[in-house]
Protein backbone atom coordinates (compact mmCIF):
# COMPACT_ATOMS: atom_id res chain seq x y z
CA MET A 1 7.91 30.18 21.29
CA PRO A 2 6.85 27.54 23.83
CA SER A 3 9.21 24.69 24.45
CA GLY A 4 9.16 21.40 26.27
CA PRO A 5 7.17 18.21 25.84
CA PRO A 6 3.89 18.17 23.92
CA SER A 7 0.72 18.96 25.80
CA ARG A 8 -1.33 15.82 25.56
CA LEU A 9 -4.28 13.85 26.60
CA ASP A 10 -3.04 10.49 25.47
CA ASP A 11 -4.12 7.10 26.41
CA VAL A 12 -2.87 6.57 29.90
CA ALA A 13 -0.14 4.31 28.63
CA SER A 14 1.59 7.09 26.74
CA GLY A 15 3.61 8.50 29.58
CA PRO A 16 5.76 7.08 32.34
CA GLY A 17 3.91 9.08 34.99
CA ARG A 18 4.11 7.81 38.51
CA ALA A 19 1.46 7.70 41.19
CA CYS A 20 0.21 10.90 42.73
CA TRP A 21 -1.57 9.07 45.56
CA ARG A 22 -0.41 9.66 49.08
CA GLY A 23 -1.98 7.99 52.10
CA CYS A 24 -4.89 6.46 50.22
CA SER A 25 -5.52 2.82 49.39
CA PRO A 26 -6.53 1.77 45.86
CA ALA A 27 -9.93 0.55 47.06
CA ARG A 28 -10.75 3.89 48.68
CA SER A 29 -9.27 6.02 45.92
CA LEU A 30 -11.51 4.56 43.23
CA GLU A 31 -14.48 6.04 45.07
CA SER A 32 -13.01 9.20 46.55
CA MET A 33 -11.55 11.02 43.55
CA THR A 34 -13.60 14.10 42.79
CA ALA A 35 -14.15 16.03 39.59
CA GLU A 36 -15.05 19.53 38.62
CA PRO A 37 -18.81 20.08 38.53
CA GLY A 38 -20.32 19.63 35.09
CA PRO A 39 -23.45 20.86 33.35
CA ALA A 40 -26.59 20.41 35.44
CA THR A 41 -28.62 19.48 32.36
CA GLU A 42 -26.80 16.20 31.65
CA GLU A 43 -29.13 13.25 31.04
CA PRO A 44 -27.72 10.14 32.76
CA ALA A 45 -29.90 7.86 30.63
CA LEU A 46 -27.76 8.68 27.59
CA LEU A 47 -24.47 7.95 29.36
CA PRO A 48 -22.89 4.50 29.58
CA THR A 49 -22.58 2.70 32.88
CA VAL A 50 -19.11 2.40 34.37
CA GLY A 51 -19.00 -1.22 33.22
CA GLN A 52 -20.02 -0.29 29.67
CA ALA A 53 -17.48 2.54 29.61
CA THR A 54 -14.72 0.23 30.81
CA SER A 55 -15.54 -2.31 28.10
CA ALA A 56 -15.59 0.41 25.41
CA LEU A 57 -12.22 1.76 26.52
CA MET A 58 -10.73 -1.73 26.45
CA ALA A 59 -12.15 -2.52 23.01
CA SER A 60 -10.95 0.76 21.51
CA TRP A 61 -7.33 -0.02 22.44
CA PRO A 62 -7.14 -3.81 22.10
CA ALA A 63 -4.41 -6.14 23.20
CA LEU A 64 -2.79 -8.24 20.48
CA ASP A 65 -3.21 -11.37 22.58
CA GLU A 66 -5.48 -11.96 25.54
CA ARG A 67 -6.54 -14.46 28.13
CA ARG A 68 -9.47 -14.62 30.55
CA ILE A 69 -9.35 -15.61 34.20
CA GLY A 70 -12.80 -15.23 35.69
CA GLY A 71 -13.78 -11.59 35.31
CA TRP A 72 -10.20 -10.53 34.57
CA ARG A 73 -8.99 -9.98 31.02
CA LEU A 74 -5.24 -10.28 30.60
CA GLY A 75 -3.83 -8.27 27.69
CA PHE A 76 -0.46 -8.66 25.99
CA ALA A 77 1.09 -6.48 23.27
CA GLU A 78 4.85 -6.89 23.69
CA GLY A 79 4.89 -4.07 26.22
CA PHE A 80 3.49 -1.44 23.85
CA THR A 81 1.42 0.86 26.12
CA ARG A 82 0.03 0.12 29.56
CA ARG A 83 -3.49 -0.01 28.26
CA ALA A 84 -2.77 -3.00 26.00
CA ASN A 85 -0.55 -4.83 28.51
CA SER A 86 -2.64 -4.82 31.67
CA VAL A 87 -5.23 -6.93 33.42
CA TRP A 88 -8.60 -5.23 33.03
CA MET A 89 -10.69 -5.96 36.11
CA LEU A 90 -14.09 -6.39 34.49
CA GLY A 91 -15.53 -8.53 37.28
CA PRO A 92 -14.60 -10.80 40.20
CA ALA A 93 -11.74 -13.22 39.56
CA GLY A 94 -13.10 -15.99 41.76
CA GLU A 95 -10.29 -17.45 43.86
CA THR A 96 -8.14 -14.32 43.94
CA GLN A 97 -4.90 -15.85 45.19
CA LEU A 98 -4.89 -18.59 42.56
CA ALA A 99 -5.90 -16.13 39.84
CA LEU A 100 -3.15 -13.72 40.86
CA GLY A 101 -0.54 -16.46 40.69
CA ALA A 102 -1.66 -17.34 37.16
CA VAL A 103 -1.55 -13.67 36.15
CA GLU A 104 1.97 -13.12 37.42
CA GLU A 105 3.22 -16.25 35.67
CA ALA A 106 1.56 -15.25 32.38
CA TYR A 107 3.29 -11.87 32.39
CA ARG A 108 6.59 -13.23 33.71
CA VAL A 109 7.06 -15.66 30.83
CA ARG A 110 6.50 -12.77 28.40
CA GLY A 111 9.02 -10.55 30.15
CA LEU A 112 6.33 -8.06 31.18
CA PRO A 113 5.43 -6.56 34.55
CA SER A 114 2.21 -7.71 36.17
CA GLN A 115 -0.10 -4.69 36.30
CA PHE A 116 -3.82 -4.23 36.72
CA LEU A 117 -6.20 -1.54 35.52
CA ALA A 118 -9.00 -0.97 38.03
CA THR A 119 -12.00 1.27 37.38
CA GLY A 120 -15.17 1.74 39.38
CA SER A 121 -16.46 -1.56 38.00
CA ALA A 122 -13.66 -3.56 39.65
CA ASP A 123 -14.58 -5.77 42.60
CA PRO A 124 -13.35 -3.87 45.71
CA ARG A 125 -12.39 -7.18 47.32
CA ASP A 126 -10.06 -7.95 44.42
CA VAL A 127 -8.53 -4.47 44.63
CA ALA A 128 -7.98 -4.92 48.37
CA ALA A 129 -6.40 -8.32 47.74
CA LEU A 130 -3.97 -6.81 45.24
CA GLU A 131 -2.94 -4.23 47.80
CA ALA A 132 -2.45 -6.97 50.39
CA PHE A 133 -0.10 -8.76 47.98
CA GLY A 134 2.01 -5.63 47.60
CA TYR A 135 0.53 -4.07 44.46
CA SER A 136 0.75 -0.29 44.46
CA PRO A 137 -0.65 2.46 42.21
CA THR A 138 1.61 3.73 39.45
CA LEU A 139 -0.85 5.96 37.60
CA THR A 140 -4.26 7.38 38.43
CA GLY A 141 -6.81 9.36 36.48
CA ARG A 142 -10.42 9.92 35.54
CA ILE A 143 -12.79 8.47 33.00
CA LEU A 144 -14.59 11.52 31.64
CA CYS A 145 -17.88 11.34 29.76
CA ARG A 146 -20.21 13.65 27.87
CA SER A 147 -23.61 13.00 26.36
CA LEU A 148 -24.03 13.81 22.67
CA ARG A 149 -27.70 14.54 23.29
CA GLY A 150 -29.16 16.63 20.50
CA GLY A 151 -26.68 15.46 17.85
CA GLU A 152 -23.38 17.05 16.93
CA PRO A 153 -21.80 19.71 19.15
CA ALA A 154 -22.28 23.24 17.90
CA ALA A 155 -19.46 24.67 15.79
CA LEU A 156 -16.85 26.78 17.50
CA GLU A 157 -17.10 30.51 17.12
CA GLY A 158 -15.28 31.47 13.93
CA GLU A 159 -15.16 27.89 12.67
CA SER A 160 -16.55 27.27 9.22
CA GLY A 161 -18.79 24.35 8.41
CA GLY A 162 -15.96 22.63 6.57
CA GLY A 163 -13.73 22.72 9.61
CA GLU A 164 -11.28 25.16 8.04
CA SER A 165 -10.11 28.54 9.26
CA THR A 166 -8.45 30.39 6.42
CA GLY A 167 -7.52 33.39 8.56
CA ASP A 168 -4.56 31.59 10.14
CA LEU A 169 -4.20 28.87 7.49
CA VAL A 170 -5.37 26.14 9.87
CA ALA A 171 -7.47 23.21 8.66
CA VAL A 172 -8.86 20.12 10.36
CA THR A 173 -8.41 16.96 8.30
CA GLN A 174 -9.81 13.50 8.81
CA ALA A 175 -8.80 10.04 7.66
CA GLY A 176 -9.74 6.46 8.42
CA PRO A 177 -10.00 3.61 8.82
CA GLU A 178 -6.48 3.38 7.37
CA LEU A 179 -3.85 4.98 9.59
CA PRO A 180 -2.15 7.85 7.68
CA PRO A 181 1.66 7.47 7.73
CA ASP A 182 2.30 11.13 8.60
CA TRP A 183 -0.24 10.96 11.45
CA LEU A 184 1.56 7.89 12.83
CA ASP A 185 4.97 9.55 12.45
CA ALA A 186 3.80 12.62 14.37
CA TRP A 187 2.10 10.63 17.14
CA LEU A 188 5.13 8.40 17.70
CA SER A 189 7.49 11.38 17.75
CA TRP A 190 5.39 13.60 20.02
CA SER A 191 4.69 10.68 22.37
CA ASP A 192 8.42 9.86 22.66
CA ARG A 193 7.94 6.42 21.12
CA ARG A 194 11.03 5.89 19.01
CA LEU A 195 11.64 2.13 19.18
CA ALA A 196 11.34 -0.03 16.08
CA ARG A 197 8.85 -2.10 18.06
CA ASP A 198 6.60 0.92 18.51
CA ARG A 199 6.33 1.55 14.77
CA ARG A 200 5.57 -2.11 14.14
CA LEU A 201 2.91 -2.49 16.84
CA ALA A 202 1.20 0.91 16.85
CA PRO A 203 -0.73 0.46 13.57
CA ARG A 204 -2.13 -2.89 14.74
CA ILE A 205 -3.68 -1.26 17.80
CA LEU A 206 -4.51 2.22 16.53
CA SER A 207 -6.22 1.00 13.35
CA SER A 208 -8.52 -1.41 15.14
CA GLY A 209 -12.25 -0.87 15.21
CA GLY A 210 -12.48 1.49 12.26
CA SER A 211 -11.00 4.48 14.08
CA SER A 212 -10.97 7.99 12.62
CA PHE A 213 -7.74 9.99 12.73
CA LEU A 214 -8.07 13.75 13.06
CA GLY A 215 -5.36 16.33 12.55
CA VAL A 216 -4.90 20.07 12.61
CA ARG A 217 -2.67 21.25 9.79
CA GLN A 218 -1.00 24.61 9.58
CA GLU A 219 0.34 25.33 6.11
CA ARG A 220 -0.16 21.60 5.37
CA THR A 221 1.96 20.51 8.33
CA LEU A 222 0.40 18.49 11.15
CA VAL A 223 0.51 20.39 14.43
CA ALA A 224 -2.10 18.51 16.51
CA LEU A 225 -3.71 15.06 16.49
CA ALA A 226 -6.63 13.10 17.90
CA ARG A 227 -8.24 9.71 17.39
CA VAL A 228 -11.87 8.68 17.90
CA THR A 229 -13.30 5.17 17.91
CA VAL A 230 -16.98 4.29 18.27
CA VAL A 231 -17.73 1.13 20.26
CA ASP A 232 -21.34 0.06 20.86
CA GLY A 233 -22.67 3.59 20.55
CA THR A 234 -19.93 5.21 22.63
CA GLY A 235 -17.15 7.35 21.17
CA VAL A 236 -13.71 6.98 22.73
CA ILE A 237 -11.36 9.94 22.24
CA ASP A 238 -7.63 9.47 22.74
CA CYS A 239 -4.22 10.33 21.27
CA LEU A 240 -5.04 14.03 21.69
CA VAL A 241 -1.68 15.75 21.43
CA THR A 242 -0.39 19.13 20.24
CA GLN A 243 3.15 19.69 18.99
CA SER A 244 5.01 21.75 21.59
CA ALA A 245 5.62 24.78 19.37
CA HIS A 246 1.89 25.14 18.66
CA ARG A 247 0.39 24.91 22.12
CA GLY A 248 -2.02 27.52 23.43
CA ARG A 249 -3.68 28.18 20.06
CA GLY A 250 -6.92 26.27 20.58
CA HIS A 251 -5.98 23.25 18.48
CA GLY A 252 -6.91 20.80 21.24
CA ARG A 253 -10.31 22.39 21.65
CA LEU A 254 -10.87 22.31 17.89
CA LEU A 255 -9.98 18.63 17.66
CA LEU A 256 -12.13 17.74 20.65
CA ARG A 257 -15.09 19.42 18.98
CA HIS A 258 -14.51 17.59 15.70
CA ALA A 259 -13.99 14.27 17.47
CA GLN A 260 -17.41 14.60 19.08
CA GLN A 261 -18.97 15.54 15.76
CA GLU A 262 -17.40 12.50 14.11
CA ALA A 263 -18.62 10.22 16.90
CA ALA A 264 -22.15 11.61 16.64
CA GLN A 265 -22.19 11.13 12.87
CA ARG A 266 -21.21 7.49 13.42
CA GLY A 267 -24.12 6.93 15.80
CA ALA A 268 -22.52 7.52 19.19
CA THR A 269 -24.74 8.90 21.95
CA SER A 270 -21.84 9.78 24.26
CA CYS A 271 -18.07 10.23 24.30
CA LEU A 272 -15.42 9.02 26.74
CA ALA A 273 -11.82 9.88 27.48
CA MET A 274 -9.21 8.72 29.98
CA VAL A 275 -7.30 11.64 31.50
CA VAL A 276 -4.32 11.27 33.81
CA GLU A 277 -4.99 12.91 37.18
CA SER A 278 -1.84 15.04 37.05
CA ASN A 279 -2.70 16.48 33.61
CA ALA A 280 -4.52 19.62 34.70
CA VAL A 281 -4.44 21.10 31.19
CA SER A 282 -6.36 18.18 29.68
CA ARG A 283 -8.79 18.00 32.59
CA ARG A 284 -9.58 21.68 32.14
CA LEU A 285 -10.00 21.25 28.37
CA PHE A 286 -12.52 18.45 28.77
CA HIS A 287 -14.34 20.15 31.62
CA ARG A 288 -14.88 23.26 29.50
CA ALA A 289 -16.23 21.01 26.73
CA GLY A 290 -18.89 19.66 29.10
CA PHE A 291 -17.27 16.39 30.15
CA THR A 292 -17.79 15.16 33.71
CA ALA A 293 -16.21 12.35 35.74
CA LEU A 294 -17.95 9.01 35.27
CA SER A 295 -15.37 7.03 37.24
CA SER A 296 -11.71 6.89 38.14
CA PHE A 297 -9.01 4.51 36.99
CA THR A 298 -5.88 3.24 38.69
CA TYR A 299 -2.97 1.19 37.41
CA LEU A 300 -1.56 -1.12 40.10
CA GLN A 301 1.75 -2.89 39.59
CA ALA A 302 3.28 -5.85 41.40
CA PRO A 303 6.37 -5.41 43.54
CA GLU A 304 9.54 -7.11 42.42
CA ARG A 305 9.43 -10.72 43.55
CA VAL A 306 12.78 -12.13 44.68
CA SER A 307 13.32 -15.66 43.44
CA CYS A 308 14.75 -18.24 45.79
CA CYS A 309 17.14 -19.55 43.14
C-alpha cells in the first residue's frame, strides 16, 4: 500500500515548497517557463487573458482583508495560505519604492512576511524592482487552462452518467455552496493544516463565491477531494488531493473530469488551475486532460530586514 504525503494539486499556498529556480531572475522566469505541448485544436478566443485569469484566481481564493496600492492588491488572512496573504501584482504600482515601503509596513504590523505573487500580467519593471530590493522566489509554477468548448467533457470510459462506478464501490459526490464538515476535515488533514486557526479561517475562504466541493468516496469514506469555483465565466479548480493510501487509482482524473463538467454546467467557458512547478504528477494529470500553460506564477518574498534598534 502506498505511503507518504498525499498526492495533490492544491492551491500554491498549501505546501511549504521552496524555489526551484537556479540562475534565473524573476522577470526572465515569468516569460521563459515552458509547458508540455497541448491540443492543436484549442481556440484561444474562448480562453481568458492572463489578466483575466489572474483576477479569477484571486477572486476564487479571497483574502479576508485587503488594501490597494496602485495596481497592487494586498491580501491579509492571518497567514492562512500564501494565496490569501500575498500582494497580487495586477498592474503597475506607480512609485515602486514608496509602494514597497507601504507594503512591507502593512505586513509587518500584522506579523506577516511581505510576499508578492507575480504572473505574466505583472509589470516587469516592478518585478525587477523587487529583485533589486532583495526579494527572491520561494515558489514557482504554471497557470494551466483548458477551453470547455463544446460543453461538458466527455465521460470517462467505464464511468456512468451518474458519476458512480459500482464495480469498485467508488462514487463521486458533490456539495455546495455550504462546505461539508467531512470534506473540510479531510482537506485540513491531508494538507497538514492542523492549527485551530486553520479550522476557523478555512471555511471563510473556501466557501466564498458559491464553490462546489467534489469528493470521491469508497465505501462511503472520502478518499479524494477537489473544489471548483466559477468566476466571470471561468472555472477555477483547486484543492485537488488524494489520500495517500488511495493514490494511483484514477481518482484525481475522475475528479478533474467532474470539476470541468460542473464548471460547464454553471456557465464557464474555460477552466484554470495553479500547479506548482515541482509537482510533476499534477502537471502530467492536467496535461493529459488537455490543459496547456497560459502563464507562469512566482511567489517572491522579502529578505529579513535588520532593524537599527
